[in-house]
Amino acid sequence: MWYYANATLSYFMVDRSRGSPALLNFFTREFGGTLVSELRSAYNEVVCVRRQTCLVHLLRELEHTERHKSPGAGWSEFAQKLRRLWGDAIRSWRKQYQLPHETHLSRRARLTARLEELIKAAWNNAHARRLVNRLRRHQDDLFTFLNQPGVPFDNNLAERAIRAAVILGRNTYGNRSSQRANVHSILVSIFFTP
């Protein structure tokens, strides 16, 4: 189940693929807006003007590493710096209209410098290096929400909508054919459109 939305429209698409072929069925030409998405590499295939990578997914990855991977020495310093950076970015976003424009720009520049410093640091921890590689790949897509009005720092809208549509599919015992899958996607698209 794929979900695409803006403030006025919701569109669900059922596809067997969880990768870029499904995305490229929807994005057949350059997307003129800001694509807000999770970290999956399939989204890299979409040509768009701007991107915002979901910060909540990155925070979940920190938590998952701490709970299930025994990250070891050096991890806590990295995780603490990254959490503090995300927290400061989100607080800056929430206060952006209460502050003078110059102050907001200055905070944005400091956040970008802190991210670059975090990425350039020599981390001895293997899990920290793995996450740093992801941050490096998405570096230009992490703070878009600070510059573009209406762009969220997460993709919670999609997460909530998909969850409800999947539960509906399970309650109706699945689609069982591509025709029923298309009908399902049309109905939930209509239902979730504001």
N, C-alpha and C. Protein backbone atom coordinates (compact mmCIF):
# COMPACT_ATOMS: atom_id res chain seq x y z
N MET A 1 0.86 -1.18 0.00
CA MET A 1 0.00 0.00 0.00
C MET A 1 0.90 1.23 0.00
N TRP A 2 0.72 2.10 -0.97
CA TRP A 2 1.44 3.36 -1.07
C TRP A 2 0.45 4.50 -0.85
N TYR A 3 0.93 5.57 -0.26
CA TYR A 3 0.06 6.71 0.05
C TYR A 3 0.75 8.00 -0.34
N TYR A 4 0.03 8.83 -1.09
CA TYR A 4 0.52 10.14 -1.50
C TYR A 4 -0.55 11.16 -1.12
N ALA A 5 -0.12 12.28 -0.55
CA ALA A 5 -1.11 13.25 -0.10
C ALA A 5 -0.52 14.64 -0.05
N ASN A 6 -1.42 15.61 -0.12
CA ASN A 6 -1.09 16.99 0.22
C ASN A 6 -2.25 17.51 1.08
N ALA A 7 -2.37 18.80 1.24
CA ALA A 7 -3.40 19.34 2.13
C ALA A 7 -4.81 19.09 1.63
N THR A 8 -4.99 18.86 0.34
CA THR A 8 -6.34 18.75 -0.22
C THR A 8 -6.65 17.41 -0.89
N LEU A 9 -5.68 16.52 -1.00
CA LEU A 9 -5.90 15.30 -1.76
C LEU A 9 -5.16 14.12 -1.13
N SER A 10 -5.80 12.97 -1.15
CA SER A 10 -5.17 11.72 -0.72
C SER A 10 -5.29 10.71 -1.85
N TYR A 11 -4.21 9.97 -2.08
CA TYR A 11 -4.23 8.97 -3.13
C TYR A 11 -3.52 7.71 -2.62
N PHE A 12 -4.23 6.60 -2.62
CA PHE A 12 -3.67 5.31 -2.24
C PHE A 12 -3.44 4.50 -3.50
N MET A 13 -2.38 3.71 -3.46
CA MET A 13 -2.07 2.85 -4.59
C MET A 13 -1.62 1.49 -4.05
N VAL A 14 -2.21 0.44 -4.54
CA VAL A 14 -1.80 -0.90 -4.16
C VAL A 14 -0.89 -1.42 -5.26
N ASP A 15 0.26 -1.92 -4.86
CA ASP A 15 1.23 -2.44 -5.83
C ASP A 15 1.97 -3.60 -5.17
N ARG A 16 2.32 -4.59 -5.95
CA ARG A 16 3.06 -5.73 -5.40
C ARG A 16 4.47 -5.33 -4.99
N SER A 17 5.00 -4.29 -5.61
CA SER A 17 6.36 -3.86 -5.35
C SER A 17 6.44 -2.91 -4.16
N ARG A 18 7.47 -3.10 -3.34
CA ARG A 18 7.76 -2.16 -2.25
C ARG A 18 8.93 -1.26 -2.64
N GLY A 19 9.33 -1.33 -3.90
CA GLY A 19 10.50 -0.60 -4.35
C GLY A 19 10.18 0.51 -5.33
N SER A 20 11.23 0.98 -5.98
CA SER A 20 11.10 2.12 -6.88
C SER A 20 10.17 1.89 -8.08
N PRO A 21 9.98 0.66 -8.61
CA PRO A 21 9.04 0.51 -9.72
C PRO A 21 7.63 1.01 -9.38
N ALA A 22 7.18 0.77 -8.14
CA ALA A 22 5.86 1.26 -7.74
C ALA A 22 5.85 2.78 -7.68
N LEU A 23 6.89 3.37 -7.13
CA LEU A 23 6.97 4.84 -7.06
C LEU A 23 6.99 5.46 -8.45
N LEU A 24 7.71 4.83 -9.36
CA LEU A 24 7.83 5.39 -10.70
C LEU A 24 6.55 5.20 -11.52
N ASN A 25 5.65 4.32 -11.06
CA ASN A 25 4.32 4.26 -11.68
C ASN A 25 3.50 5.49 -11.33
N PHE A 26 3.77 6.07 -10.17
CA PHE A 26 3.04 7.27 -9.74
C PHE A 26 3.75 8.54 -10.20
N PHE A 27 5.04 8.63 -9.94
CA PHE A 27 5.82 9.81 -10.32
C PHE A 27 6.39 9.60 -11.72
N THR A 28 5.58 9.84 -12.72
CA THR A 28 6.00 9.59 -14.10
C THR A 28 6.82 10.73 -14.67
N ARG A 29 6.83 11.87 -13.99
CA ARG A 29 7.69 13.00 -14.39
C ARG A 29 8.13 13.72 -13.13
N GLU A 30 8.93 14.75 -13.28
CA GLU A 30 9.47 15.45 -12.11
C GLU A 30 8.35 16.00 -11.23
N PHE A 31 8.47 15.75 -9.94
CA PHE A 31 7.50 16.25 -8.96
C PHE A 31 7.91 17.66 -8.59
N GLY A 32 7.00 18.61 -8.75
CA GLY A 32 7.31 20.02 -8.54
C GLY A 32 7.25 20.48 -7.10
N GLY A 33 6.99 19.58 -6.17
CA GLY A 33 6.88 19.98 -4.76
C GLY A 33 7.97 19.37 -3.91
N THR A 34 7.67 19.27 -2.62
CA THR A 34 8.60 18.68 -1.66
C THR A 34 8.12 17.28 -1.30
N LEU A 35 8.96 16.30 -1.52
CA LEU A 35 8.64 14.91 -1.20
C LEU A 35 9.07 14.63 0.23
N VAL A 36 8.10 14.34 1.09
CA VAL A 36 8.37 13.97 2.48
C VAL A 36 8.29 12.46 2.56
N SER A 37 9.37 11.82 3.01
CA SER A 37 9.40 10.36 2.98
C SER A 37 10.29 9.81 4.08
N GLU A 38 10.18 8.50 4.26
CA GLU A 38 11.07 7.80 5.18
C GLU A 38 12.42 7.59 4.49
N LEU A 39 13.27 6.79 5.08
CA LEU A 39 14.64 6.63 4.60
C LEU A 39 14.83 5.58 3.51
N ARG A 40 13.80 4.90 3.08
CA ARG A 40 13.97 3.82 2.12
C ARG A 40 14.59 4.31 0.83
N SER A 41 15.51 3.54 0.30
CA SER A 41 16.26 3.95 -0.89
C SER A 41 15.39 4.07 -2.13
N ALA A 42 14.22 3.45 -2.14
CA ALA A 42 13.33 3.54 -3.30
C ALA A 42 12.97 4.99 -3.62
N TYR A 43 12.87 5.83 -2.59
CA TYR A 43 12.50 7.23 -2.80
C TYR A 43 13.59 8.02 -3.52
N ASN A 44 14.81 7.52 -3.54
CA ASN A 44 15.89 8.22 -4.24
C ASN A 44 15.66 8.26 -5.74
N GLU A 45 14.83 7.37 -6.26
CA GLU A 45 14.57 7.31 -7.70
C GLU A 45 13.61 8.41 -8.16
N VAL A 46 12.89 9.01 -7.23
CA VAL A 46 11.91 10.04 -7.58
C VAL A 46 12.63 11.35 -7.84
N VAL A 47 12.36 11.94 -8.98
CA VAL A 47 12.93 13.25 -9.32
C VAL A 47 11.97 14.31 -8.78
N CYS A 48 12.48 15.15 -7.89
CA CYS A 48 11.62 16.17 -7.29
C CYS A 48 12.43 17.43 -7.01
N VAL A 49 11.71 18.51 -6.74
CA VAL A 49 12.36 19.80 -6.47
C VAL A 49 13.07 19.78 -5.13
N ARG A 50 12.38 19.32 -4.10
CA ARG A 50 12.94 19.28 -2.74
C ARG A 50 12.51 18.00 -2.05
N ARG A 51 13.24 17.65 -0.98
CA ARG A 51 12.92 16.47 -0.18
C ARG A 51 13.00 16.82 1.30
N GLN A 52 12.21 16.11 2.08
CA GLN A 52 12.34 16.14 3.53
C GLN A 52 12.34 14.70 4.01
N THR A 53 13.43 14.29 4.63
CA THR A 53 13.54 12.96 5.20
C THR A 53 12.95 13.00 6.60
N CYS A 54 12.17 12.00 6.92
CA CYS A 54 11.47 11.94 8.20
C CYS A 54 12.46 11.81 9.36
N LEU A 55 12.47 12.80 10.25
CA LEU A 55 13.35 12.77 11.41
C LEU A 55 12.90 11.74 12.43
N VAL A 56 11.61 11.47 12.49
CA VAL A 56 11.10 10.49 13.44
C VAL A 56 11.63 9.09 13.11
N HIS A 57 11.75 8.77 11.82
CA HIS A 57 12.32 7.47 11.45
C HIS A 57 13.77 7.36 11.91
N LEU A 58 14.50 8.46 11.83
CA LEU A 58 15.88 8.44 12.31
C LEU A 58 15.93 8.25 13.83
N LEU A 59 15.02 8.88 14.55
CA LEU A 59 14.96 8.68 16.00
C LEU A 59 14.60 7.24 16.34
N ARG A 60 13.68 6.67 15.57
CA ARG A 60 13.32 5.25 15.79
C ARG A 60 14.51 4.34 15.55
N GLU A 61 15.32 4.71 14.57
CA GLU A 61 16.50 3.89 14.30
C GLU A 61 17.49 3.96 15.47
N LEU A 62 17.61 5.12 16.09
CA LEU A 62 18.45 5.23 17.29
C LEU A 62 17.92 4.29 18.38
N GLU A 63 16.62 4.34 18.63
CA GLU A 63 16.02 3.51 19.67
C GLU A 63 16.16 2.02 19.36
N HIS A 64 15.95 1.67 18.10
CA HIS A 64 16.07 0.26 17.69
C HIS A 64 17.51 -0.23 17.93
N THR A 65 18.47 0.58 17.58
CA THR A 65 19.87 0.20 17.78
C THR A 65 20.16 -0.01 19.26
N GLU A 66 19.66 0.91 20.10
CA GLU A 66 19.91 0.80 21.54
C GLU A 66 19.25 -0.43 22.16
N ARG A 67 18.06 -0.77 21.71
CA ARG A 67 17.32 -1.88 22.30
C ARG A 67 17.77 -3.25 21.81
N HIS A 68 18.14 -3.34 20.54
CA HIS A 68 18.32 -4.66 19.93
C HIS A 68 19.73 -4.98 19.44
N LYS A 69 20.63 -4.01 19.45
CA LYS A 69 21.92 -4.28 18.82
C LYS A 69 23.12 -4.13 19.75
N SER A 70 22.92 -3.85 21.00
CA SER A 70 24.02 -3.66 21.95
C SER A 70 25.14 -2.82 21.33
N PRO A 71 24.89 -1.52 21.15
CA PRO A 71 25.82 -0.70 20.36
C PRO A 71 27.21 -0.52 20.95
N GLY A 72 27.38 -0.61 22.26
CA GLY A 72 28.71 -0.56 22.85
C GLY A 72 29.26 0.84 23.04
N ALA A 73 30.57 0.88 23.24
CA ALA A 73 31.26 2.14 23.56
C ALA A 73 31.19 3.14 22.41
N GLY A 74 31.04 4.40 22.79
CA GLY A 74 31.01 5.47 21.79
C GLY A 74 29.64 5.76 21.24
N TRP A 75 28.71 4.82 21.43
CA TRP A 75 27.37 5.01 20.88
C TRP A 75 26.60 6.11 21.61
N SER A 76 26.65 6.12 22.93
CA SER A 76 25.81 7.04 23.70
C SER A 76 26.15 8.49 23.39
N GLU A 77 27.42 8.82 23.18
CA GLU A 77 27.79 10.19 22.83
C GLU A 77 27.20 10.58 21.48
N PHE A 78 27.31 9.69 20.51
CA PHE A 78 26.74 9.95 19.18
C PHE A 78 25.23 10.11 19.26
N ALA A 79 24.56 9.18 19.91
CA ALA A 79 23.09 9.21 20.00
C ALA A 79 22.62 10.46 20.72
N GLN A 80 23.32 10.85 21.77
CA GLN A 80 22.93 12.05 22.52
C GLN A 80 23.06 13.30 21.65
N LYS A 81 24.14 13.40 20.89
CA LYS A 81 24.34 14.57 20.02
C LYS A 81 23.28 14.62 18.92
N LEU A 82 22.96 13.47 18.35
CA LEU A 82 21.96 13.44 17.29
C LEU A 82 20.57 13.77 17.83
N ARG A 83 20.22 13.20 18.97
CA ARG A 83 18.91 13.53 19.58
C ARG A 83 18.81 15.01 19.91
N ARG A 84 19.87 15.58 20.44
CA ARG A 84 19.87 17.00 20.79
C ARG A 84 19.72 17.85 19.52
N LEU A 85 20.40 17.45 18.47
CA LEU A 85 20.30 18.18 17.20
C LEU A 85 18.88 18.15 16.67
N TRP A 86 18.25 16.97 16.65
CA TRP A 86 16.86 16.87 16.17
C TRP A 86 15.92 17.68 17.05
N GLY A 87 16.10 17.59 18.37
CA GLY A 87 15.26 18.34 19.29
C GLY A 87 15.38 19.84 19.09
N ASP A 88 16.60 20.33 18.91
CA ASP A 88 16.81 21.76 18.67
C ASP A 88 16.21 22.20 17.34
N ALA A 89 16.31 21.35 16.32
CA ALA A 89 15.73 21.68 15.01
C ALA A 89 14.21 21.76 15.10
N ILE A 90 13.60 20.83 15.80
CA ILE A 90 12.14 20.82 15.92
C ILE A 90 11.67 22.00 16.75
N ARG A 91 12.39 22.34 17.83
CA ARG A 91 12.03 23.53 18.63
C ARG A 91 12.17 24.80 17.81
N SER A 92 13.20 24.88 17.00
CA SER A 92 13.39 26.05 16.13
C SER A 92 12.25 26.17 15.13
N TRP A 93 11.81 25.04 14.59
CA TRP A 93 10.69 25.02 13.65
C TRP A 93 9.40 25.51 14.32
N ARG A 94 9.17 25.06 15.54
CA ARG A 94 7.95 25.46 16.25
C ARG A 94 7.95 26.95 16.60
N LYS A 95 9.13 27.53 16.81
CA LYS A 95 9.22 28.94 17.21
C LYS A 95 9.53 29.88 16.05
N GLN A 96 9.60 29.37 14.82
CA GLN A 96 10.08 30.18 13.72
C GLN A 96 9.26 31.44 13.47
N TYR A 97 7.97 31.42 13.74
CA TYR A 97 7.14 32.60 13.49
C TYR A 97 7.10 33.54 14.68
N GLN A 98 7.67 33.12 15.80
CA GLN A 98 7.74 33.97 16.99
C GLN A 98 9.05 34.76 17.03
N LEU A 99 10.00 34.38 16.19
CA LEU A 99 11.32 35.00 16.20
C LEU A 99 11.52 35.87 14.96
N PRO A 100 12.40 36.87 15.06
CA PRO A 100 12.76 37.64 13.86
C PRO A 100 13.36 36.71 12.80
N HIS A 101 13.16 37.04 11.56
CA HIS A 101 13.61 36.19 10.45
C HIS A 101 15.12 35.95 10.52
N GLU A 102 15.88 36.97 10.87
CA GLU A 102 17.34 36.84 10.95
C GLU A 102 17.75 35.83 12.02
N THR A 103 17.03 35.84 13.14
CA THR A 103 17.31 34.88 14.21
C THR A 103 17.05 33.46 13.74
N HIS A 104 15.94 33.27 13.04
CA HIS A 104 15.61 31.94 12.51
C HIS A 104 16.69 31.47 11.53
N LEU A 105 17.13 32.36 10.64
CA LEU A 105 18.18 32.00 9.68
C LEU A 105 19.48 31.65 10.39
N SER A 106 19.79 32.39 11.44
CA SER A 106 21.01 32.13 12.20
C SER A 106 20.94 30.76 12.87
N ARG A 107 19.80 30.43 13.45
CA ARG A 107 19.63 29.11 14.08
C ARG A 107 19.75 27.99 13.05
N ARG A 108 19.16 28.22 11.90
CA ARG A 108 19.22 27.23 10.81
C ARG A 108 20.67 26.99 10.41
N ALA A 109 21.45 28.06 10.29
CA ALA A 109 22.86 27.93 9.92
C ALA A 109 23.63 27.16 10.99
N ARG A 110 23.36 27.42 12.26
CA ARG A 110 24.05 26.71 13.35
C ARG A 110 23.67 25.22 13.35
N LEU A 111 22.39 24.93 13.08
CA LEU A 111 21.96 23.52 13.02
C LEU A 111 22.67 22.79 11.88
N THR A 112 22.78 23.44 10.75
CA THR A 112 23.47 22.84 9.59
C THR A 112 24.94 22.59 9.92
N ALA A 113 25.58 23.56 10.59
CA ALA A 113 26.99 23.40 10.98
C ALA A 113 27.15 22.25 11.97
N ARG A 114 26.23 22.11 12.91
CA ARG A 114 26.30 21.00 13.88
C ARG A 114 26.13 19.65 13.17
N LEU A 115 25.23 19.58 12.19
CA LEU A 115 25.05 18.34 11.43
C LEU A 115 26.33 17.99 10.68
N GLU A 116 26.94 18.98 10.04
CA GLU A 116 28.19 18.73 9.31
C GLU A 116 29.29 18.27 10.26
N GLU A 117 29.36 18.87 11.43
CA GLU A 117 30.35 18.47 12.42
C GLU A 117 30.13 17.03 12.87
N LEU A 118 28.88 16.66 13.10
CA LEU A 118 28.54 15.30 13.50
C LEU A 118 28.93 14.30 12.41
N ILE A 119 28.68 14.66 11.16
CA ILE A 119 28.98 13.77 10.04
C ILE A 119 30.49 13.63 9.83
N LYS A 120 31.23 14.71 10.02
CA LYS A 120 32.68 14.69 9.77
C LYS A 120 33.48 14.06 10.90
N ALA A 121 32.89 13.94 12.07
CA ALA A 121 33.62 13.38 13.21
C ALA A 121 33.99 11.92 12.95
N ALA A 122 35.12 11.52 13.50
CA ALA A 122 35.59 10.13 13.35
C ALA A 122 35.00 9.29 14.47
N TRP A 123 33.91 8.60 14.18
CA TRP A 123 33.24 7.77 15.18
C TRP A 123 33.83 6.37 15.15
N ASN A 124 34.22 5.87 16.32
CA ASN A 124 34.79 4.52 16.40
C ASN A 124 33.72 3.45 16.44
N ASN A 125 32.51 3.81 16.81
CA ASN A 125 31.42 2.86 16.93
C ASN A 125 30.86 2.51 15.55
N ALA A 126 30.74 1.22 15.26
CA ALA A 126 30.27 0.77 13.94
C ALA A 126 28.84 1.21 13.67
N HIS A 127 27.96 1.19 14.68
CA HIS A 127 26.58 1.61 14.48
C HIS A 127 26.49 3.11 14.23
N ALA A 128 27.33 3.88 14.90
CA ALA A 128 27.37 5.32 14.67
C ALA A 128 27.83 5.60 13.24
N ARG A 129 28.85 4.88 12.78
CA ARG A 129 29.34 5.08 11.40
C ARG A 129 28.25 4.73 10.38
N ARG A 130 27.49 3.67 10.66
CA ARG A 130 26.40 3.28 9.74
C ARG A 130 25.37 4.40 9.64
N LEU A 131 24.97 4.96 10.78
CA LEU A 131 24.00 6.05 10.75
C LEU A 131 24.58 7.32 10.14
N VAL A 132 25.84 7.57 10.38
CA VAL A 132 26.49 8.74 9.77
C VAL A 132 26.47 8.63 8.25
N ASN A 133 26.67 7.43 7.73
CA ASN A 133 26.59 7.24 6.27
C ASN A 133 25.19 7.59 5.75
N ARG A 134 24.16 7.22 6.51
CA ARG A 134 22.78 7.56 6.10
C ARG A 134 22.57 9.07 6.18
N LEU A 135 23.07 9.68 7.23
CA LEU A 135 22.93 11.13 7.38
C LEU A 135 23.65 11.85 6.24
N ARG A 136 24.80 11.36 5.87
CA ARG A 136 25.57 11.97 4.78
C ARG A 136 24.79 11.90 3.47
N ARG A 137 24.17 10.73 3.21
CA ARG A 137 23.40 10.57 1.96
C ARG A 137 22.19 11.50 1.93
N HIS A 138 21.59 11.78 3.09
CA HIS A 138 20.37 12.58 3.16
C HIS A 138 20.61 13.97 3.74
N GLN A 139 21.85 14.38 3.79
CA GLN A 139 22.22 15.63 4.46
C GLN A 139 21.41 16.83 3.97
N ASP A 140 21.20 16.93 2.68
CA ASP A 140 20.48 18.08 2.12
C ASP A 140 18.97 17.99 2.33
N ASP A 141 18.49 16.86 2.84
CA ASP A 141 17.05 16.63 2.96
C ASP A 141 16.56 16.61 4.42
N LEU A 142 17.41 16.95 5.35
CA LEU A 142 17.04 16.81 6.76
C LEU A 142 16.41 18.06 7.35
N PHE A 143 16.76 19.24 6.84
CA PHE A 143 16.26 20.49 7.42
C PHE A 143 15.40 21.31 6.45
N THR A 144 14.87 20.67 5.44
CA THR A 144 13.99 21.37 4.49
C THR A 144 12.81 21.99 5.21
N PHE A 145 12.30 21.32 6.23
CA PHE A 145 11.12 21.80 6.96
C PHE A 145 11.36 23.15 7.63
N LEU A 146 12.62 23.51 7.86
CA LEU A 146 12.92 24.81 8.47
C LEU A 146 12.82 25.96 7.47
N ASN A 147 12.89 25.65 6.19
CA ASN A 147 12.86 26.69 5.14
C ASN A 147 11.57 26.76 4.36
N GLN A 148 10.83 25.66 4.33
CA GLN A 148 9.64 25.59 3.50
C GLN A 148 8.38 25.55 4.37
N PRO A 149 7.58 26.60 4.34
CA PRO A 149 6.33 26.60 5.12
C PRO A 149 5.43 25.42 4.72
N GLY A 150 4.84 24.81 5.73
CA GLY A 150 3.90 23.71 5.47
C GLY A 150 4.55 22.35 5.33
N VAL A 151 5.88 22.27 5.33
CA VAL A 151 6.56 20.98 5.21
C VAL A 151 6.82 20.45 6.62
N PRO A 152 6.32 19.25 6.94
CA PRO A 152 6.54 18.69 8.28
C PRO A 152 7.93 18.05 8.38
N PHE A 153 8.38 17.81 9.60
CA PHE A 153 9.66 17.14 9.81
C PHE A 153 9.48 15.63 9.87
N ASP A 154 8.25 15.14 9.72
CA ASP A 154 7.98 13.71 9.77
C ASP A 154 6.98 13.35 8.68
N ASN A 155 6.78 12.06 8.50
CA ASN A 155 5.76 11.60 7.54
C ASN A 155 4.62 10.91 8.28
N ASN A 156 4.25 11.45 9.44
CA ASN A 156 3.19 10.86 10.26
C ASN A 156 1.84 10.84 9.56
N LEU A 157 1.57 11.83 8.73
CA LEU A 157 0.31 11.83 7.97
C LEU A 157 0.18 10.53 7.18
N ALA A 158 1.21 10.16 6.47
CA ALA A 158 1.19 8.93 5.68
C ALA A 158 1.15 7.70 6.57
N GLU A 159 1.91 7.71 7.65
CA GLU A 159 1.94 6.55 8.55
C GLU A 159 0.55 6.26 9.11
N ARG A 160 -0.15 7.30 9.56
CA ARG A 160 -1.49 7.10 10.14
C ARG A 160 -2.49 6.64 9.08
N ALA A 161 -2.43 7.24 7.90
CA ALA A 161 -3.37 6.89 6.84
C ALA A 161 -3.16 5.45 6.36
N ILE A 162 -1.91 5.07 6.18
CA ILE A 162 -1.62 3.71 5.72
C ILE A 162 -2.09 2.69 6.76
N ARG A 163 -1.83 2.97 8.02
CA ARG A 163 -2.23 2.03 9.08
C ARG A 163 -3.74 1.77 9.01
N ALA A 164 -4.51 2.85 8.89
CA ALA A 164 -5.97 2.69 8.84
C ALA A 164 -6.41 1.93 7.59
N ALA A 165 -5.78 2.21 6.45
CA ALA A 165 -6.14 1.52 5.21
C ALA A 165 -5.77 0.04 5.26
N VAL A 166 -4.64 -0.27 5.86
CA VAL A 166 -4.22 -1.67 5.98
C VAL A 166 -5.16 -2.43 6.91
N ILE A 167 -5.55 -1.81 8.01
CA ILE A 167 -6.50 -2.46 8.93
C ILE A 167 -7.82 -2.72 8.22
N LEU A 168 -8.29 -1.76 7.43
CA LEU A 168 -9.51 -1.96 6.65
C LEU A 168 -9.36 -3.15 5.71
N GLY A 169 -8.21 -3.24 5.04
CA GLY A 169 -7.96 -4.37 4.14
C GLY A 169 -7.97 -5.70 4.86
N ARG A 170 -7.38 -5.73 6.05
CA ARG A 170 -7.37 -6.98 6.84
C ARG A 170 -8.77 -7.35 7.30
N ASN A 171 -9.53 -6.36 7.71
CA ASN A 171 -10.90 -6.64 8.18
C ASN A 171 -11.81 -7.14 7.07
N THR A 172 -11.48 -6.83 5.83
CA THR A 172 -12.28 -7.31 4.70
C THR A 172 -11.63 -8.52 4.04
N TYR A 173 -10.66 -9.14 4.76
CA TYR A 173 -9.97 -10.36 4.31
C TYR A 173 -9.15 -10.15 3.05
N GLY A 174 -8.59 -8.97 2.89
CA GLY A 174 -7.67 -8.72 1.78
C GLY A 174 -8.38 -8.47 0.47
N ASN A 175 -7.59 -8.22 -0.55
CA ASN A 175 -8.14 -7.86 -1.85
C ASN A 175 -8.37 -9.06 -2.75
N ARG A 176 -7.48 -10.02 -2.72
CA ARG A 176 -7.57 -11.29 -3.44
C ARG A 176 -7.52 -11.19 -4.95
N SER A 177 -7.51 -10.00 -5.51
CA SER A 177 -7.31 -9.84 -6.95
C SER A 177 -6.86 -8.41 -7.21
N SER A 178 -6.23 -8.18 -8.35
CA SER A 178 -5.75 -6.83 -8.66
C SER A 178 -6.93 -5.87 -8.87
N GLN A 179 -8.05 -6.38 -9.40
CA GLN A 179 -9.23 -5.52 -9.57
C GLN A 179 -9.76 -5.06 -8.21
N ARG A 180 -9.84 -5.97 -7.25
CA ARG A 180 -10.30 -5.60 -5.91
C ARG A 180 -9.31 -4.67 -5.22
N ALA A 181 -8.02 -4.88 -5.48
CA ALA A 181 -7.00 -3.98 -4.92
C ALA A 181 -7.19 -2.57 -5.45
N ASN A 182 -7.48 -2.45 -6.73
CA ASN A 182 -7.72 -1.12 -7.32
C ASN A 182 -8.97 -0.47 -6.73
N VAL A 183 -10.02 -1.25 -6.55
CA VAL A 183 -11.25 -0.72 -5.94
C VAL A 183 -10.96 -0.27 -4.51
N HIS A 184 -10.23 -1.08 -3.78
CA HIS A 184 -9.86 -0.74 -2.40
C HIS A 184 -9.09 0.60 -2.38
N SER A 185 -8.11 0.75 -3.27
CA SER A 185 -7.31 1.98 -3.28
C SER A 185 -8.16 3.19 -3.65
N ILE A 186 -9.10 3.03 -4.55
CA ILE A 186 -9.99 4.14 -4.92
C ILE A 186 -10.88 4.54 -3.75
N LEU A 187 -11.47 3.55 -3.09
CA LEU A 187 -12.37 3.84 -1.96
C LEU A 187 -11.64 4.52 -0.80
N VAL A 188 -10.47 4.00 -0.44
CA VAL A 188 -9.75 4.65 0.67
C VAL A 188 -9.21 6.02 0.27
N SER A 189 -8.89 6.21 -1.00
CA SER A 189 -8.46 7.53 -1.47
C SER A 189 -9.58 8.55 -1.30
N ILE A 190 -10.79 8.15 -1.66
CA ILE A 190 -11.95 9.04 -1.50
C ILE A 190 -12.22 9.29 0.00
N PHE A 191 -12.16 8.23 0.78
CA PHE A 191 -12.46 8.35 2.20
C PHE A 191 -11.49 9.27 2.93
N PHE A 192 -10.17 9.19 2.59
CA PHE A 192 -9.17 9.98 3.31
C PHE A 192 -8.94 11.37 2.74
N THR A 193 -9.53 11.68 1.57
CA THR A 193 -9.38 13.03 1.04
C THR A 193 -10.22 14.00 1.87
N PRO A 194 -9.57 15.05 2.39
CA PRO A 194 -10.32 16.00 3.27
C PRO A 194 -11.47 16.69 2.57
